Amino acid sequence: MSEPAVVISAYQEARMLPMALGCLPDCRVIVVDGAYQAFPHETPYSDDGTLEIARAWGAEVVEVSTAWPDQIAKRTFCLGLAPVLM
């Protein structure tokens, strides 16, 4: 089993991401980028600085080149990255 981590699903979150990252304890952080096909955007990936901010805070980044099919696909992927703690 992999170590516990905080997984953040993001798309164009440069404005809010620093606040979210600043509230986390010292832990492994993974930011999963990308838009959904159902909500077409100019780019299927963040181009507002989200990924650069995540890296600057030391987060691991999962980049995409195509939009996620839907929210379920992206969230299922996120759940597979780290154990879910309850």
PDB file of N, CA and C in Angstrom:
ATOM      1  N   MET A   1       0.848  -1.179   0.000  1.00  0.00           N
ATOM      2  CA  MET A   1       0.000   0.000   0.000  1.00  0.00           C
ATOM      3  C   MET A   1       0.892   1.241   0.000  1.00  0.00           C
ATOM      4  N   SER A   2       0.500   2.228  -0.766  1.00  0.00           N
ATOM      5  CA  SER A   2       1.280   3.457  -0.819  1.00  0.00           C
ATOM      6  C   SER A   2       1.008   4.314   0.408  1.00  0.00           C
ATOM      7  N   GLU A   3       1.886   5.292   0.613  1.00  0.00           N
ATOM      8  CA  GLU A   3       1.737   6.156   1.779  1.00  0.00           C
ATOM      9  C   GLU A   3       0.507   7.048   1.638  1.00  0.00           C
ATOM     10  N   PRO A   4      -0.103   7.446   2.738  1.00  0.00           N
ATOM     11  CA  PRO A   4      -1.252   8.350   2.658  1.00  0.00           C
ATOM     12  C   PRO A   4      -0.862   9.658   1.980  1.00  0.00           C
ATOM     13  N   ALA A   5      -1.780  10.225   1.267  1.00  0.00           N
ATOM     14  CA  ALA A   5      -1.531  11.480   0.572  1.00  0.00           C
ATOM     15  C   ALA A   5      -2.835  12.254   0.451  1.00  0.00           C
ATOM     16  N   VAL A   6      -2.693  13.525   0.193  1.00  0.00           N
ATOM     17  CA  VAL A   6      -3.831  14.358  -0.163  1.00  0.00           C
ATOM     18  C   VAL A   6      -3.818  14.452  -1.679  1.00  0.00           C
ATOM     19  N   VAL A   7      -4.939  14.105  -2.303  1.00  0.00           N
ATOM     20  CA  VAL A   7      -5.061  14.177  -3.751  1.00  0.00           C
ATOM     21  C   VAL A   7      -6.053  15.293  -4.072  1.00  0.00           C
ATOM     22  N   ILE A   8      -5.597  16.242  -4.871  1.00  0.00           N
ATOM     23  CA  ILE A   8      -6.430  17.388  -5.239  1.00  0.00           C
ATOM     24  C   ILE A   8      -6.746  17.305  -6.722  1.00  0.00           C
ATOM     25  N   SER A   9      -8.020  17.272  -7.035  1.00  0.00           N
ATOM     26  CA  SER A   9      -8.486  17.310  -8.418  1.00  0.00           C
ATOM     27  C   SER A   9      -8.639  18.779  -8.791  1.00  0.00           C
ATOM     28  N   ALA A  10      -7.917  19.212  -9.821  1.00  0.00           N
ATOM     29  CA  ALA A  10      -7.897  20.643 -10.131  1.00  0.00           C
ATOM     30  C   ALA A  10      -8.040  20.902 -11.619  1.00  0.00           C
ATOM     31  N   TYR A  11      -8.530  22.087 -11.923  1.00  0.00           N
ATOM     32  CA  TYR A  11      -8.532  22.616 -13.277  1.00  0.00           C
ATOM     33  C   TYR A  11      -8.669  24.133 -13.159  1.00  0.00           C
ATOM     34  N   GLN A  12      -7.673  24.840 -13.627  1.00  0.00           N
ATOM     35  CA  GLN A  12      -7.652  26.309 -13.585  1.00  0.00           C
ATOM     36  C   GLN A  12      -7.874  26.822 -12.152  1.00  0.00           C
ATOM     37  N   GLU A  13      -7.083  26.309 -11.207  1.00  0.00           N
ATOM     38  CA  GLU A  13      -7.254  26.668  -9.798  1.00  0.00           C
ATOM     39  C   GLU A  13      -6.105  27.512  -9.252  1.00  0.00           C
ATOM     40  N   ALA A  14      -5.411  28.251 -10.103  1.00  0.00           N
ATOM     41  CA  ALA A  14      -4.262  29.047  -9.647  1.00  0.00           C
ATOM     42  C   ALA A  14      -4.640  30.020  -8.535  1.00  0.00           C
ATOM     43  N   ARG A  15      -5.814  30.558  -8.592  1.00  0.00           N
ATOM     44  CA  ARG A  15      -6.236  31.535  -7.584  1.00  0.00           C
ATOM     45  C   ARG A  15      -6.479  30.898  -6.218  1.00  0.00           C
ATOM     46  N   MET A  16      -7.033  29.691  -6.193  1.00  0.00           N
ATOM     47  CA  MET A  16      -7.421  29.061  -4.932  1.00  0.00           C
ATOM     48  C   MET A  16      -6.406  28.042  -4.402  1.00  0.00           C
ATOM     49  N   LEU A  17      -5.575  27.505  -5.273  1.00  0.00           N
ATOM     50  CA  LEU A  17      -4.672  26.424  -4.874  1.00  0.00           C
ATOM     51  C   LEU A  17      -3.707  26.805  -3.753  1.00  0.00           C
ATOM     52  N   PRO A  18      -3.085  27.990  -3.763  1.00  0.00           N
ATOM     53  CA  PRO A  18      -2.176  28.317  -2.655  1.00  0.00           C
ATOM     54  C   PRO A  18      -2.859  28.279  -1.293  1.00  0.00           C
ATOM     55  N   MET A  19      -4.097  28.732  -1.215  1.00  0.00           N
ATOM     56  CA  MET A  19      -4.831  28.707   0.044  1.00  0.00           C
ATOM     57  C   MET A  19      -5.057  27.262   0.490  1.00  0.00           C
ATOM     58  N   ALA A  20      -5.445  26.400  -0.444  1.00  0.00           N
ATOM     59  CA  ALA A  20      -5.682  24.994  -0.107  1.00  0.00           C
ATOM     60  C   ALA A  20      -4.391  24.320   0.332  1.00  0.00           C
ATOM     61  N   LEU A  21      -3.321  24.538  -0.401  1.00  0.00           N
ATOM     62  CA  LEU A  21      -2.040  23.900  -0.067  1.00  0.00           C
ATOM     63  C   LEU A  21      -1.489  24.415   1.259  1.00  0.00           C
ATOM     64  N   GLY A  22      -1.721  25.682   1.543  1.00  0.00           N
ATOM     65  CA  GLY A  22      -1.238  26.264   2.794  1.00  0.00           C
ATOM     66  C   GLY A  22      -1.952  25.735   4.023  1.00  0.00           C
ATOM     67  N   CYS A  23      -3.097  25.127   3.860  1.00  0.00           N
ATOM     68  CA  CYS A  23      -3.869  24.579   4.985  1.00  0.00           C
ATOM     69  C   CYS A  23      -3.517  23.126   5.289  1.00  0.00           C
ATOM     70  N   LEU A  24      -2.717  22.504   4.445  1.00  0.00           N
ATOM     71  CA  LEU A  24      -2.422  21.079   4.613  1.00  0.00           C
ATOM     72  C   LEU A  24      -1.255  20.854   5.563  1.00  0.00           C
ATOM     73  N   PRO A  25      -1.275  19.718   6.264  1.00  0.00           N
ATOM     74  CA  PRO A  25      -0.105  19.361   7.080  1.00  0.00           C
ATOM     75  C   PRO A  25       1.033  18.947   6.139  1.00  0.00           C
ATOM     76  N   ASP A  26       2.193  18.743   6.713  1.00  0.00           N
ATOM     77  CA  ASP A  26       3.341  18.281   5.926  1.00  0.00           C
ATOM     78  C   ASP A  26       3.064  16.840   5.504  1.00  0.00           C
ATOM     79  N   CYS A  27       2.720  16.643   4.249  1.00  0.00           N
ATOM     80  CA  CYS A  27       2.370  15.323   3.752  1.00  0.00           C
ATOM     81  C   CYS A  27       2.588  15.280   2.242  1.00  0.00           C
ATOM     82  N   ARG A  28       2.448  14.107   1.694  1.00  0.00           N
ATOM     83  CA  ARG A  28       2.527  13.944   0.239  1.00  0.00           C
ATOM     84  C   ARG A  28       1.267  14.547  -0.379  1.00  0.00           C
ATOM     85  N   VAL A  29       1.446  15.377  -1.396  1.00  0.00           N
ATOM     86  CA  VAL A  29       0.323  16.021  -2.076  1.00  0.00           C
ATOM     87  C   VAL A  29       0.425  15.720  -3.564  1.00  0.00           C
ATOM     88  N   ILE A  30      -0.691  15.317  -4.142  1.00  0.00           N
ATOM     89  CA  ILE A  30      -0.758  15.024  -5.567  1.00  0.00           C
ATOM     90  C   ILE A  30      -1.868  15.887  -6.168  1.00  0.00           C
ATOM     91  N   VAL A  31      -1.532  16.643  -7.193  1.00  0.00           N
ATOM     92  CA  VAL A  31      -2.521  17.467  -7.888  1.00  0.00           C
ATOM     93  C   VAL A  31      -2.773  16.829  -9.247  1.00  0.00           C
ATOM     94  N   VAL A  32      -4.032  16.446  -9.472  1.00  0.00           N
ATOM     95  CA  VAL A  32      -4.441  15.828 -10.737  1.00  0.00           C
ATOM     96  C   VAL A  32      -5.165  16.889 -11.558  1.00  0.00           C
ATOM     97  N   ASP A  33      -4.616  17.204 -12.710  1.00  0.00           N
ATOM     98  CA  ASP A  33      -5.127  18.284 -13.543  1.00  0.00           C
ATOM     99  C   ASP A  33      -6.113  17.771 -14.589  1.00  0.00           C
ATOM    100  N   GLY A  34      -6.902  18.676 -15.124  1.00  0.00           N
ATOM    101  CA  GLY A  34      -7.704  18.371 -16.299  1.00  0.00           C
ATOM    102  C   GLY A  34      -9.163  18.716 -16.200  1.00  0.00           C
ATOM    103  N   ALA A  35      -9.710  19.088 -17.360  1.00  0.00           N
ATOM    104  CA  ALA A  35     -11.135  19.404 -17.502  1.00  0.00           C
ATOM    105  C   ALA A  35     -11.891  18.148 -17.907  1.00  0.00           C
ATOM    106  N   TYR A  36     -13.205  18.258 -17.930  1.00  0.00           N
ATOM    107  CA  TYR A  36     -14.071  17.157 -18.354  1.00  0.00           C
ATOM    108  C   TYR A  36     -14.577  17.420 -19.763  1.00  0.00           C
ATOM    109  N   GLN A  37     -14.763  16.359 -20.542  1.00  0.00           N
ATOM    110  CA  GLN A  37     -15.265  16.494 -21.909  1.00  0.00           C
ATOM    111  C   GLN A  37     -16.659  17.112 -21.946  1.00  0.00           C
ATOM    112  N   ALA A  38     -17.457  16.849 -20.931  1.00  0.00           N
ATOM    113  CA  ALA A  38     -18.831  17.352 -20.910  1.00  0.00           C
ATOM    114  C   ALA A  38     -18.884  18.880 -20.792  1.00  0.00           C
ATOM    115  N   PHE A  39     -17.794  19.475 -20.315  1.00  0.00           N
ATOM    116  CA  PHE A  39     -17.709  20.929 -20.179  1.00  0.00           C
ATOM    117  C   PHE A  39     -16.528  21.412 -21.009  1.00  0.00           C
ATOM    118  N   PRO A  40     -16.713  21.545 -22.314  1.00  0.00           N
ATOM    119  CA  PRO A  40     -15.582  21.889 -23.184  1.00  0.00           C
ATOM    120  C   PRO A  40     -14.949  23.231 -22.822  1.00  0.00           C
ATOM    121  N   HIS A  41     -13.641  23.263 -22.883  1.00  0.00           N
ATOM    122  CA  HIS A  41     -12.862  24.459 -22.604  1.00  0.00           C
ATOM    123  C   HIS A  41     -11.873  24.646 -23.748  1.00  0.00           C
ATOM    124  N   GLU A  42     -11.237  25.804 -23.790  1.00  0.00           N
ATOM    125  CA  GLU A  42     -10.243  26.041 -24.830  1.00  0.00           C
ATOM    126  C   GLU A  42      -9.105  25.042 -24.753  1.00  0.00           C
ATOM    127  N   THR A  43      -8.690  24.709 -23.544  1.00  0.00           N
ATOM    128  CA  THR A  43      -7.655  23.697 -23.346  1.00  0.00           C
ATOM    129  C   THR A  43      -8.157  22.695 -22.320  1.00  0.00           C
ATOM    130  N   PRO A  44      -7.833  21.412 -22.471  1.00  0.00           N
ATOM    131  CA  PRO A  44      -8.278  20.409 -21.500  1.00  0.00           C
ATOM    132  C   PRO A  44      -7.391  20.362 -20.257  1.00  0.00           C
ATOM    133  N   TYR A  45      -6.368  21.195 -20.225  1.00  0.00           N
ATOM    134  CA  TYR A  45      -5.425  21.229 -19.108  1.00  0.00           C
ATOM    135  C   TYR A  45      -5.330  22.667 -18.594  1.00  0.00           C
ATOM    136  N   SER A  46      -4.903  22.813 -17.352  1.00  0.00           N
ATOM    137  CA  SER A  46      -4.779  24.143 -16.758  1.00  0.00           C
ATOM    138  C   SER A  46      -3.668  24.930 -17.451  1.00  0.00           C
ATOM    139  N   ASP A  47      -3.969  26.172 -17.784  1.00  0.00           N
ATOM    140  CA  ASP A  47      -2.955  27.039 -18.370  1.00  0.00           C
ATOM    141  C   ASP A  47      -2.897  28.392 -17.650  1.00  0.00           C
ATOM    142  N   ASP A  48      -3.381  28.394 -16.413  1.00  0.00           N
ATOM    143  CA  ASP A  48      -3.423  29.622 -15.619  1.00  0.00           C
ATOM    144  C   ASP A  48      -2.350  29.665 -14.537  1.00  0.00           C
ATOM    145  N   GLY A  49      -1.425  28.707 -14.548  1.00  0.00           N
ATOM    146  CA  GLY A  49      -0.382  28.664 -13.528  1.00  0.00           C
ATOM    147  C   GLY A  49      -0.630  27.637 -12.438  1.00  0.00           C
ATOM    148  N   THR A  50      -1.739  26.923 -12.510  1.00  0.00           N
ATOM    149  CA  THR A  50      -2.075  25.920 -11.496  1.00  0.00           C
ATOM    150  C   THR A  50      -0.936  24.922 -11.283  1.00  0.00           C
ATOM    151  N   LEU A  51      -0.420  24.363 -12.354  1.00  0.00           N
ATOM    152  CA  LEU A  51       0.606  23.323 -12.242  1.00  0.00           C
ATOM    153  C   LEU A  51       1.921  23.878 -11.710  1.00  0.00           C
ATOM    154  N   GLU A  52       2.262  25.076 -12.115  1.00  0.00           N
ATOM    155  CA  GLU A  52       3.489  25.700 -11.634  1.00  0.00           C
ATOM    156  C   GLU A  52       3.396  25.983 -10.132  1.00  0.00           C
ATOM    157  N   ILE A  53       2.232  26.432  -9.680  1.00  0.00           N
ATOM    158  CA  ILE A  53       2.018  26.681  -8.253  1.00  0.00           C
ATOM    159  C   ILE A  53       2.116  25.371  -7.476  1.00  0.00           C
ATOM    160  N   ALA A  54       1.471  24.333  -7.987  1.00  0.00           N
ATOM    161  CA  ALA A  54       1.513  23.034  -7.308  1.00  0.00           C
ATOM    162  C   ALA A  54       2.955  22.556  -7.159  1.00  0.00           C
ATOM    163  N   ARG A  55       3.727  22.653  -8.218  1.00  0.00           N
ATOM    164  CA  ARG A  55       5.138  22.226  -8.161  1.00  0.00           C
ATOM    165  C   ARG A  55       5.940  23.085  -7.189  1.00  0.00           C
ATOM    166  N   ALA A  56       5.689  24.383  -7.185  1.00  0.00           N
ATOM    167  CA  ALA A  56       6.413  25.281  -6.280  1.00  0.00           C
ATOM    168  C   ALA A  56       6.154  24.925  -4.817  1.00  0.00           C
ATOM    169  N   TRP A  57       4.973  24.385  -4.529  1.00  0.00           N
ATOM    170  CA  TRP A  57       4.638  23.966  -3.170  1.00  0.00           C
ATOM    171  C   TRP A  57       5.120  22.548  -2.884  1.00  0.00           C
ATOM    172  N   GLY A  58       5.748  21.913  -3.860  1.00  0.00           N
ATOM    173  CA  GLY A  58       6.290  20.576  -3.654  1.00  0.00           C
ATOM    174  C   GLY A  58       5.333  19.442  -3.957  1.00  0.00           C
ATOM    175  N   ALA A  59       4.214  19.739  -4.583  1.00  0.00           N
ATOM    176  CA  ALA A  59       3.240  18.692  -4.907  1.00  0.00           C
ATOM    177  C   ALA A  59       3.678  17.910  -6.137  1.00  0.00           C
ATOM    178  N   GLU A  60       3.284  16.654  -6.179  1.00  0.00           N
ATOM    179  CA  GLU A  60       3.435  15.862  -7.396  1.00  0.00           C
ATOM    180  C   GLU A  60       2.296  16.289  -8.315  1.00  0.00           C
ATOM    181  N   VAL A  61       2.554  16.320  -9.617  1.00  0.00           N
ATOM    182  CA  VAL A  61       1.548  16.790 -10.562  1.00  0.00           C
ATOM    183  C   VAL A  61       1.278  15.718 -11.605  1.00  0.00           C
ATOM    184  N   VAL A  62      -0.001  15.451 -11.835  1.00  0.00           N
ATOM    185  CA  VAL A  62      -0.415  14.567 -12.917  1.00  0.00           C
ATOM    186  C   VAL A  62      -0.984  15.471 -14.001  1.00  0.00           C
ATOM    187  N   GLU A  63      -0.264  15.569 -15.125  1.00  0.00           N
ATOM    188  CA  GLU A  63      -0.699  16.407 -16.242  1.00  0.00           C
ATOM    189  C   GLU A  63      -1.497  15.581 -17.244  1.00  0.00           C
ATOM    190  N   VAL A  64      -2.353  16.242 -17.980  1.00  0.00           N
ATOM    191  CA  VAL A  64      -3.128  15.577 -19.022  1.00  0.00           C
ATOM    192  C   VAL A  64      -2.987  16.350 -20.334  1.00  0.00           C
ATOM    193  N   SER A  65      -3.237  15.662 -21.432  1.00  0.00           N
ATOM    194  CA  SER A  65      -3.234  16.335 -22.729  1.00  0.00           C
ATOM    195  C   SER A  65      -4.612  16.291 -23.379  1.00  0.00           C
ATOM    196  N   THR A  66      -5.487  15.441 -22.849  1.00  0.00           N
ATOM    197  CA  THR A  66      -6.863  15.379 -23.332  1.00  0.00           C
ATOM    198  C   THR A  66      -7.805  15.452 -22.126  1.00  0.00           C
ATOM    199  N   ALA A  67      -9.019  15.903 -22.388  1.00  0.00           N
ATOM    200  CA  ALA A  67      -9.998  16.035 -21.304  1.00  0.00           C
ATOM    201  C   ALA A  67     -10.395  14.666 -20.754  1.00  0.00           C
ATOM    202  N   TRP A  68     -10.719  14.647 -19.473  1.00  0.00           N
ATOM    203  CA  TRP A  68     -11.245  13.435 -18.845  1.00  0.00           C
ATOM    204  C   TRP A  68     -12.630  13.168 -19.420  1.00  0.00           C
ATOM    205  N   PRO A  69     -13.013  11.892 -19.613  1.00  0.00           N
ATOM    206  CA  PRO A  69     -14.344  11.593 -20.145  1.00  0.00           C
ATOM    207  C   PRO A  69     -15.468  12.178 -19.284  1.00  0.00           C
ATOM    208  N   ASP A  70     -15.292  12.100 -17.957  1.00  0.00           N
ATOM    209  CA  ASP A  70     -16.297  12.618 -17.032  1.00  0.00           C
ATOM    210  C   ASP A  70     -15.696  12.691 -15.636  1.00  0.00           C
ATOM    211  N   GLN A  71     -16.478  13.203 -14.685  1.00  0.00           N
ATOM    212  CA  GLN A  71     -16.014  13.329 -13.305  1.00  0.00           C
ATOM    213  C   GLN A  71     -15.685  11.973 -12.693  1.00  0.00           C
ATOM    214  N   ILE A  72     -16.471  10.963 -13.023  1.00  0.00           N
ATOM    215  CA  ILE A  72     -16.253   9.627 -12.454  1.00  0.00           C
ATOM    216  C   ILE A  72     -14.880   9.102 -12.843  1.00  0.00           C
ATOM    217  N   ALA A  73     -14.489   9.275 -14.091  1.00  0.00           N
ATOM    218  CA  ALA A  73     -13.180   8.793 -14.548  1.00  0.00           C
ATOM    219  C   ALA A  73     -12.046   9.495 -13.808  1.00  0.00           C
ATOM    220  N   LYS A  74     -12.148  10.801 -13.668  1.00  0.00           N
ATOM    221  CA  LYS A  74     -11.088  11.554 -12.979  1.00  0.00           C
ATOM    222  C   LYS A  74     -11.042  11.196 -11.500  1.00  0.00           C
ATOM    223  N   ARG A  75     -12.182  11.112 -10.860  1.00  0.00           N
ATOM    224  CA  ARG A  75     -12.211  10.798  -9.428  1.00  0.00           C
ATOM    225  C   ARG A  75     -11.768   9.360  -9.155  1.00  0.00           C
ATOM    226  N   THR A  76     -12.126   8.440 -10.028  1.00  0.00           N
ATOM    227  CA  THR A  76     -11.671   7.055  -9.877  1.00  0.00           C
ATOM    228  C   THR A  76     -10.154   6.991  -9.992  1.00  0.00           C
ATOM    229  N   PHE A  77      -9.597   7.717 -10.946  1.00  0.00           N
ATOM    230  CA  PHE A  77      -8.143   7.794 -11.084  1.00  0.00           C
ATOM    231  C   PHE A  77      -7.515   8.343  -9.800  1.00  0.00           C
ATOM    232  N   CYS A  78      -8.080   9.419  -9.279  1.00  0.00           N
ATOM    233  CA  CYS A  78      -7.559  10.033  -8.052  1.00  0.00           C
ATOM    234  C   CYS A  78      -7.576   9.055  -6.883  1.00  0.00           C
ATOM    235  N   LEU A  79      -8.657   8.304  -6.757  1.00  0.00           N
ATOM    236  CA  LEU A  79      -8.765   7.333  -5.658  1.00  0.00           C
ATOM    237  C   LEU A  79      -7.721   6.236  -5.751  1.00  0.00           C
ATOM    238  N   GLY A  80      -7.234   5.946  -6.957  1.00  0.00           N
ATOM    239  CA  GLY A  80      -6.226   4.934  -7.128  1.00  0.00           C
ATOM    240  C   GLY A  80      -4.813   5.385  -6.793  1.00  0.00           C
ATOM    241  N   LEU A  81      -4.633   6.673  -6.530  1.00  0.00           N
ATOM    242  CA  LEU A  81      -3.290   7.223  -6.268  1.00  0.00           C
ATOM    243  C   LEU A  81      -2.828   7.080  -4.824  1.00  0.00           C
ATOM    244  N   ALA A  82      -3.764   7.005  -3.899  1.00  0.00           N
ATOM    245  CA  ALA A  82      -3.408   6.953  -2.482  1.00  0.00           C
ATOM    246  C   ALA A  82      -4.538   6.292  -1.709  1.00  0.00           C
ATOM    247  N   PRO A  83      -4.224   5.732  -0.549  1.00  0.00           N
ATOM    248  CA  PRO A  83      -5.283   5.094   0.230  1.00  0.00           C
ATOM    249  C   PRO A  83      -6.298   6.125   0.709  1.00  0.00           C
ATOM    250  N   VAL A  84      -7.516   5.659   0.849  1.00  0.00           N
ATOM    251  CA  VAL A  84      -8.587   6.519   1.363  1.00  0.00           C
ATOM    252  C   VAL A  84      -8.671   6.264   2.864  1.00  0.00           C
ATOM    253  N   LEU A  85      -8.546   7.336   3.632  1.00  0.00           N
ATOM    254  CA  LEU A  85      -8.599   7.212   5.093  1.00  0.00           C
ATOM    255  C   LEU A  85      -9.983   7.656   5.571  1.00  0.00           C
ATOM    256  N   MET A  86     -10.553   6.858   6.466  1.00  0.00           N
ATOM    257  CA  MET A  86     -11.880   7.209   6.991  1.00  0.00           C
ATOM    258  C   MET A  86     -11.819   7.300   8.497  1.00  0.00           C
TER     259      MET A  86
END
